[in-house]
């Protein structure tokens, strides 16, 4: 599949309650974290969409900013908004707190996506629905769940009508040997550790 025909969706509408400040605005390298992630994902996806709480947030992120219809209802809402705005057949959905998301991993998942509703990593003891590839039709299934009172990304992936392919660690390590793509930043301590790793990698 031609990667230039896969939309990138970055979810930036979370509360950042454990971090104590807006994760998307945290400095990372020489950019805000959100802009850093947009830049990485944009190497394999075009166009780029950011889903945020307000339409005028993150205008300097390098992506089109949209809002969701059910504020405060969790990441399923953000994924729904992004997929409903997607004009391409497939989209890569990435959380805004994955500073080491590897473009090679996303590109690999994209190559596996034809014929599937979703291609989702299963690594480090968890599935990772916010570092995954979705067919845009999944947005309607998300809407069905939300209009019936809401739910989770796991509930979405369990919809019987969807063909979901889970990708094992061994498969993922072909593209991202250290599985750094799944390093997420929820706390100040995790942010400090990640910036230290970034400085080490930048100096190598």
C-alpha atoms as a PDB file:
ATOM      1  CA  UNK A   1       0.000   0.000   0.000  1.00  0.00           C
ATOM      2  CA  UNK A   2       1.208   3.497  -0.837  1.00  0.00           C
ATOM      3  CA  UNK A   3       1.950   5.095   2.533  1.00  0.00           C
ATOM      4  CA  UNK A   4       1.249   8.584   1.178  1.00  0.00           C
ATOM      5  CA  UNK A   5      -2.375   7.504   1.003  1.00  0.00           C
ATOM      6  CA  UNK A   6      -2.636   6.752   4.728  1.00  0.00           C
ATOM      7  CA  UNK A   7      -3.811   9.521   7.064  1.00  0.00           C
ATOM      8  CA  UNK A   8      -1.981  10.099  10.324  1.00  0.00           C
ATOM      9  CA  UNK A   9      -4.220  10.751  13.349  1.00  0.00           C
ATOM     10  CA  UNK A  10      -2.630  12.019  16.565  1.00  0.00           C
ATOM     11  CA  UNK A  11      -4.846  11.975  19.651  1.00  0.00           C
ATOM     12  CA  UNK A  12      -4.148  14.952  21.913  1.00  0.00           C
ATOM     13  CA  UNK A  13      -7.397  15.335  23.830  1.00  0.00           C
ATOM     14  CA  UNK A  14      -6.519  13.525  27.043  1.00  0.00           C
ATOM     15  CA  UNK A  15      -6.626  15.072  30.498  1.00  0.00           C
ATOM     16  CA  UNK A  16      -2.912  14.499  31.312  1.00  0.00           C
ATOM     17  CA  UNK A  17      -4.008  14.119  34.939  1.00  0.00           C
ATOM     18  CA  UNK A  18      -1.063  11.969  36.043  1.00  0.00           C
ATOM     19  CA  UNK A  19       1.439  14.251  34.311  1.00  0.00           C
ATOM     20  CA  UNK A  20      -0.016  17.350  35.964  1.00  0.00           C
ATOM     21  CA  UNK A  21       0.373  19.430  32.808  1.00  0.00           C
ATOM     22  CA  UNK A  22      -0.535  19.177  29.129  1.00  0.00           C
ATOM     23  CA  UNK A  23       1.557  16.301  27.785  1.00  0.00           C
ATOM     24  CA  UNK A  24       1.230  17.483  24.197  1.00  0.00           C
ATOM     25  CA  UNK A  25       2.975  20.770  25.063  1.00  0.00           C
ATOM     26  CA  UNK A  26       5.933  19.235  26.913  1.00  0.00           C
ATOM     27  CA  UNK A  27       9.311  20.094  25.377  1.00  0.00           C
ATOM     28  CA  UNK A  28      10.906  17.161  23.576  1.00  0.00           C
ATOM     29  CA  UNK A  29      14.095  17.768  21.679  1.00  0.00           C
ATOM     30  CA  UNK A  30      13.656  21.193  20.124  1.00  0.00           C
ATOM     31  CA  UNK A  31       9.874  20.887  19.684  1.00  0.00           C
ATOM     32  CA  UNK A  32       6.705  20.484  21.745  1.00  0.00           C
ATOM     33  CA  UNK A  33       6.021  16.761  22.169  1.00  0.00           C
ATOM     34  CA  UNK A  34       2.964  16.864  19.885  1.00  0.00           C
ATOM     35  CA  UNK A  35       4.872  18.570  17.071  1.00  0.00           C
ATOM     36  CA  UNK A  36       7.694  16.064  17.530  1.00  0.00           C
ATOM     37  CA  UNK A  37       5.293  13.141  17.083  1.00  0.00           C
ATOM     38  CA  UNK A  38       3.495  14.778  14.151  1.00  0.00           C
ATOM     39  CA  UNK A  39       6.849  15.188  12.435  1.00  0.00           C
ATOM     40  CA  UNK A  40       7.756  11.520  12.938  1.00  0.00           C
ATOM     41  CA  UNK A  41       4.407  10.152  11.799  1.00  0.00           C
ATOM     42  CA  UNK A  42       4.312  12.512   8.811  1.00  0.00           C
ATOM     43  CA  UNK A  43       7.313  10.701   7.315  1.00  0.00           C
ATOM     44  CA  UNK A  44       4.974   7.799   6.485  1.00  0.00           C
ATOM     45  CA  UNK A  45       1.497   9.393   6.557  1.00  0.00           C
ATOM     46  CA  UNK A  46      -0.204  12.214   4.696  1.00  0.00           C
ATOM     47  CA  UNK A  47      -2.347  14.127   5.488  1.00  0.00           C
ATOM     48  CA  UNK A  48      -1.956  14.628   9.240  1.00  0.00           C
ATOM     49  CA  UNK A  49      -4.824  15.237  11.697  1.00  0.00           C
ATOM     50  CA  UNK A  50      -4.631  16.142  15.393  1.00  0.00           C
ATOM     51  CA  UNK A  51      -7.717  15.506  17.531  1.00  0.00           C
ATOM     52  CA  UNK A  52      -7.814  17.990  20.419  1.00  0.00           C
ATOM     53  CA  UNK A  53     -10.239  19.343  23.010  1.00  0.00           C
ATOM     54  CA  UNK A  54     -10.468  22.720  21.289  1.00  0.00           C
ATOM     55  CA  UNK A  55     -10.230  23.590  17.612  1.00  0.00           C
ATOM     56  CA  UNK A  56      -7.698  26.382  18.145  1.00  0.00           C
ATOM     57  CA  UNK A  57      -5.281  24.225  20.119  1.00  0.00           C
ATOM     58  CA  UNK A  58      -1.926  23.163  18.659  1.00  0.00           C
ATOM     59  CA  UNK A  59      -2.282  25.206  15.483  1.00  0.00           C
ATOM     60  CA  UNK A  60       1.507  25.187  15.165  1.00  0.00           C
ATOM     61  CA  UNK A  61       1.725  21.379  15.289  1.00  0.00           C
ATOM     62  CA  UNK A  62       2.038  20.957  11.533  1.00  0.00           C
ATOM     63  CA  UNK A  63      -1.323  19.175  11.234  1.00  0.00           C
ATOM     64  CA  UNK A  64      -5.000  19.962  10.762  1.00  0.00           C
ATOM     65  CA  UNK A  65      -6.648  20.230  14.214  1.00  0.00           C
ATOM     66  CA  UNK A  66     -10.172  18.914  14.756  1.00  0.00           C
ATOM     67  CA  UNK A  67     -12.315  18.352  17.850  1.00  0.00           C
ATOM     68  CA  UNK A  68     -14.398  15.413  19.002  1.00  0.00           C
ATOM     69  CA  UNK A  69     -18.146  15.288  19.597  1.00  0.00           C
ATOM     70  CA  UNK A  70     -18.118  13.742  23.056  1.00  0.00           C
ATOM     71  CA  UNK A  71     -15.543  15.683  25.110  1.00  0.00           C
ATOM     72  CA  UNK A  72     -14.157  13.888  28.130  1.00  0.00           C
ATOM     73  CA  UNK A  73     -15.300  10.420  27.067  1.00  0.00           C
ATOM     74  CA  UNK A  74     -11.856   8.912  26.573  1.00  0.00           C
ATOM     75  CA  UNK A  75      -9.683   7.894  23.631  1.00  0.00           C
ATOM     76  CA  UNK A  76     -12.464   6.126  21.717  1.00  0.00           C
ATOM     77  CA  UNK A  77     -13.961   9.569  21.104  1.00  0.00           C
ATOM     78  CA  UNK A  78     -10.721  10.865  19.658  1.00  0.00           C
ATOM     79  CA  UNK A  79     -10.266   7.866  17.401  1.00  0.00           C
ATOM     80  CA  UNK A  80     -13.859   8.245  16.220  1.00  0.00           C
ATOM     81  CA  UNK A  81     -13.344  11.915  15.358  1.00  0.00           C
ATOM     82  CA  UNK A  82     -10.137  11.207  13.478  1.00  0.00           C
ATOM     83  CA  UNK A  83     -11.548   8.325  11.465  1.00  0.00           C
ATOM     84  CA  UNK A  84     -14.729  10.219  10.586  1.00  0.00           C
ATOM     85  CA  UNK A  85     -12.534  13.038   9.233  1.00  0.00           C
ATOM     86  CA  UNK A  86     -10.310  10.672   7.265  1.00  0.00           C
ATOM     87  CA  UNK A  87     -10.603  10.763   3.486  1.00  0.00           C
ATOM     88  CA  UNK A  88      -8.120   7.948   2.833  1.00  0.00           C
ATOM     89  CA  UNK A  89      -9.025   4.271   3.129  1.00  0.00           C
ATOM     90  CA  UNK A  90      -6.688   3.684   6.069  1.00  0.00           C
ATOM     91  CA  UNK A  91      -5.316   5.774   8.910  1.00  0.00           C
ATOM     92  CA  UNK A  92      -2.567   5.357  11.481  1.00  0.00           C
ATOM     93  CA  UNK A  93      -3.759   6.341  14.970  1.00  0.00           C
ATOM     94  CA  UNK A  94      -1.062   7.372  17.453  1.00  0.00           C
ATOM     95  CA  UNK A  95      -1.298   8.762  20.974  1.00  0.00           C
ATOM     96  CA  UNK A  96       0.391  12.110  21.592  1.00  0.00           C
ATOM     97  CA  UNK A  97       2.576  10.647  24.362  1.00  0.00           C
ATOM     98  CA  UNK A  98       4.611   8.136  22.309  1.00  0.00           C
ATOM     99  CA  UNK A  99       7.832  10.078  21.661  1.00  0.00           C
ATOM    100  CA  UNK A 100       9.706   7.151  20.138  1.00  0.00           C
ATOM    101  CA  UNK A 101       7.016   5.936  17.749  1.00  0.00           C
ATOM    102  CA  UNK A 102       9.059   4.456  14.924  1.00  0.00           C
ATOM    103  CA  UNK A 103       8.065   5.388  11.368  1.00  0.00           C
ATOM    104  CA  UNK A 104       9.444   2.022  10.250  1.00  0.00           C
ATOM    105  CA  UNK A 105       7.012   0.247  12.579  1.00  0.00           C
ATOM    106  CA  UNK A 106       4.072   2.271  11.283  1.00  0.00           C
ATOM    107  CA  UNK A 107       5.156   1.596   7.711  1.00  0.00           C
ATOM    108  CA  UNK A 108       5.340  -2.112   8.489  1.00  0.00           C
ATOM    109  CA  UNK A 109       1.860  -2.140  10.008  1.00  0.00           C
ATOM    110  CA  UNK A 110       0.560  -0.265   6.965  1.00  0.00           C
ATOM    111  CA  UNK A 111       1.882  -2.983   4.656  1.00  0.00           C
ATOM    112  CA  UNK A 112      -0.133  -5.560   6.621  1.00  0.00           C
ATOM    113  CA  UNK A 113      -3.388  -3.592   6.680  1.00  0.00           C
ATOM    114  CA  UNK A 114      -5.107  -4.422   3.345  1.00  0.00           C
ATOM    115  CA  UNK A 115      -8.121  -6.619   4.002  1.00  0.00           C
ATOM    116  CA  UNK A 116      -8.208  -5.871   7.735  1.00  0.00           C
ATOM    117  CA  UNK A 117     -10.347  -3.492   9.758  1.00  0.00           C
ATOM    118  CA  UNK A 118      -7.499  -2.873  12.197  1.00  0.00           C
ATOM    119  CA  UNK A 119      -3.874  -3.922  12.614  1.00  0.00           C
ATOM    120  CA  UNK A 120      -2.936  -3.621  16.280  1.00  0.00           C
ATOM    121  CA  UNK A 121       0.371  -4.336  18.072  1.00  0.00           C
ATOM    122  CA  UNK A 122       0.308  -6.807  20.964  1.00  0.00           C
ATOM    123  CA  UNK A 123       3.523  -6.224  22.898  1.00  0.00           C
ATOM    124  CA  UNK A 124       4.958  -5.836  26.382  1.00  0.00           C
ATOM    125  CA  UNK A 125       1.884  -7.429  27.924  1.00  0.00           C
ATOM    126  CA  UNK A 126      -0.651  -5.113  26.311  1.00  0.00           C
ATOM    127  CA  UNK A 127      -2.415  -4.374  23.064  1.00  0.00           C
ATOM    128  CA  UNK A 128      -1.684  -0.902  21.702  1.00  0.00           C
ATOM    129  CA  UNK A 129      -4.764   0.479  19.916  1.00  0.00           C
ATOM    130  CA  UNK A 130      -3.207   3.958  19.822  1.00  0.00           C
ATOM    131  CA  UNK A 131      -0.225   2.873  17.781  1.00  0.00           C
ATOM    132  CA  UNK A 132      -2.234   1.034  15.169  1.00  0.00           C
ATOM    133  CA  UNK A 133      -3.746   1.124  11.684  1.00  0.00           C
ATOM    134  CA  UNK A 134      -7.499   1.387  11.062  1.00  0.00           C
ATOM    135  CA  UNK A 135      -9.787   1.251   8.064  1.00  0.00           C
ATOM    136  CA  UNK A 136     -11.835   4.431   8.047  1.00  0.00           C
ATOM    137  CA  UNK A 137     -15.072   2.396   8.233  1.00  0.00           C
ATOM    138  CA  UNK A 138     -14.138   1.580  11.848  1.00  0.00           C
ATOM    139  CA  UNK A 139     -15.214   5.144  12.659  1.00  0.00           C
ATOM    140  CA  UNK A 140     -18.860   4.201  12.138  1.00  0.00           C
ATOM    141  CA  UNK A 141     -18.522   1.250  14.505  1.00  0.00           C
ATOM    142  CA  UNK A 142     -17.007   3.610  17.085  1.00  0.00           C
ATOM    143  CA  UNK A 143     -19.957   5.952  16.606  1.00  0.00           C
ATOM    144  CA  UNK A 144     -22.396   3.104  17.156  1.00  0.00           C
ATOM    145  CA  UNK A 145     -20.736   2.364  20.510  1.00  0.00           C
ATOM    146  CA  UNK A 146     -20.634   6.022  21.538  1.00  0.00           C
ATOM    147  CA  UNK A 147     -24.264   6.709  20.674  1.00  0.00           C
ATOM    148  CA  UNK A 148     -25.261   3.718  22.807  1.00  0.00           C
ATOM    149  CA  UNK A 149     -23.624   5.191  25.871  1.00  0.00           C
ATOM    150  CA  UNK A 150     -19.910   4.931  25.277  1.00  0.00           C
ATOM    151  CA  UNK A 151     -17.185   2.385  25.663  1.00  0.00           C
ATOM    152  CA  UNK A 152     -13.495   1.679  25.323  1.00  0.00           C
ATOM    153  CA  UNK A 153     -11.043   0.993  22.544  1.00  0.00           C
ATOM    154  CA  UNK A 154     -10.976  -2.640  23.688  1.00  0.00           C
ATOM    155  CA  UNK A 155     -14.733  -2.803  23.238  1.00  0.00           C
ATOM    156  CA  UNK A 156     -14.331  -1.435  19.725  1.00  0.00           C
ATOM    157  CA  UNK A 157     -11.727  -4.054  18.838  1.00  0.00           C
ATOM    158  CA  UNK A 158     -14.101  -6.760  20.077  1.00  0.00           C
ATOM    159  CA  UNK A 159     -16.895  -5.789  17.654  1.00  0.00           C
ATOM    160  CA  UNK A 160     -17.659  -9.048  15.796  1.00  0.00           C
ATOM    161  CA  UNK A 161     -18.036  -7.321  12.442  1.00  0.00           C
ATOM    162  CA  UNK A 162     -14.433  -6.081  12.512  1.00  0.00           C
ATOM    163  CA  UNK A 163     -11.485  -8.073  11.203  1.00  0.00           C
ATOM    164  CA  UNK A 164      -8.709  -7.255  13.655  1.00  0.00           C
ATOM    165  CA  UNK A 165      -5.163  -8.540  13.242  1.00  0.00           C
ATOM    166  CA  UNK A 166      -2.954  -8.465  16.327  1.00  0.00           C
ATOM    167  CA  UNK A 167       0.783  -8.263  15.653  1.00  0.00           C
ATOM    168  CA  UNK A 168       3.132 -10.145  17.973  1.00  0.00           C
ATOM    169  CA  UNK A 169       6.333  -8.858  19.554  1.00  0.00           C
ATOM    170  CA  UNK A 170       8.474 -11.012  17.270  1.00  0.00           C
ATOM    171  CA  UNK A 171       6.841  -9.468  14.210  1.00  0.00           C
ATOM    172  CA  UNK A 172       7.114  -5.960  15.653  1.00  0.00           C
ATOM    173  CA  UNK A 173      10.808  -6.304  16.489  1.00  0.00           C
ATOM    174  CA  UNK A 174      11.588  -6.631  12.786  1.00  0.00           C
ATOM    175  CA  UNK A 175      10.781  -2.907  12.516  1.00  0.00           C
ATOM    176  CA  UNK A 176      11.474  -1.705  16.068  1.00  0.00           C
ATOM    177  CA  UNK A 177      13.952  -4.065  17.758  1.00  0.00           C
ATOM    178  CA  UNK A 178      13.763  -2.370  21.176  1.00  0.00           C
ATOM    179  CA  UNK A 179       9.977  -1.798  20.972  1.00  0.00           C
ATOM    180  CA  UNK A 180      10.584   1.825  21.951  1.00  0.00           C
ATOM    181  CA  UNK A 181       7.493   2.818  19.970  1.00  0.00           C
ATOM    182  CA  UNK A 182       5.399   1.782  22.967  1.00  0.00           C
ATOM    183  CA  UNK A 183       7.166   3.974  25.525  1.00  0.00           C
ATOM    184  CA  UNK A 184       4.404   6.281  26.702  1.00  0.00           C
ATOM    185  CA  UNK A 185       4.645   9.257  29.030  1.00  0.00           C
ATOM    186  CA  UNK A 186       2.039   9.341  31.784  1.00  0.00           C
ATOM    187  CA  UNK A 187       4.034  10.724  34.721  1.00  0.00           C
ATOM    188  CA  UNK A 188       6.798  13.293  35.274  1.00  0.00           C
ATOM    189  CA  UNK A 189       9.166  10.420  36.043  1.00  0.00           C
ATOM    190  CA  UNK A 190       8.464   8.737  32.718  1.00  0.00           C
ATOM    191  CA  UNK A 191       8.968  12.050  30.945  1.00  0.00           C
ATOM    192  CA  UNK A 192      12.337  12.540  32.648  1.00  0.00           C
ATOM    193  CA  UNK A 193      13.431   9.027  31.701  1.00  0.00           C
ATOM    194  CA  UNK A 194      12.347   9.494  28.086  1.00  0.00           C
ATOM    195  CA  UNK A 195      14.194  12.773  27.674  1.00  0.00           C
ATOM    196  CA  UNK A 196      17.316  11.098  29.048  1.00  0.00           C
ATOM    197  CA  UNK A 197      16.950   8.289  26.520  1.00  0.00           C
ATOM    198  CA  UNK A 198      16.429  10.837  23.736  1.00  0.00           C
ATOM    199  CA  UNK A 199      19.628  12.684  24.706  1.00  0.00           C
ATOM    200  CA  UNK A 200      21.525   9.384  24.725  1.00  0.00           C
ATOM    201  CA  UNK A 201      20.189   8.417  21.303  1.00  0.00           C
ATOM    202  CA  UNK A 202      20.811  11.887  19.885  1.00  0.00           C
ATOM    203  CA  UNK A 203      24.416  11.718  21.043  1.00  0.00           C
ATOM    204  CA  UNK A 204      25.078   8.258  19.640  1.00  0.00           C
END
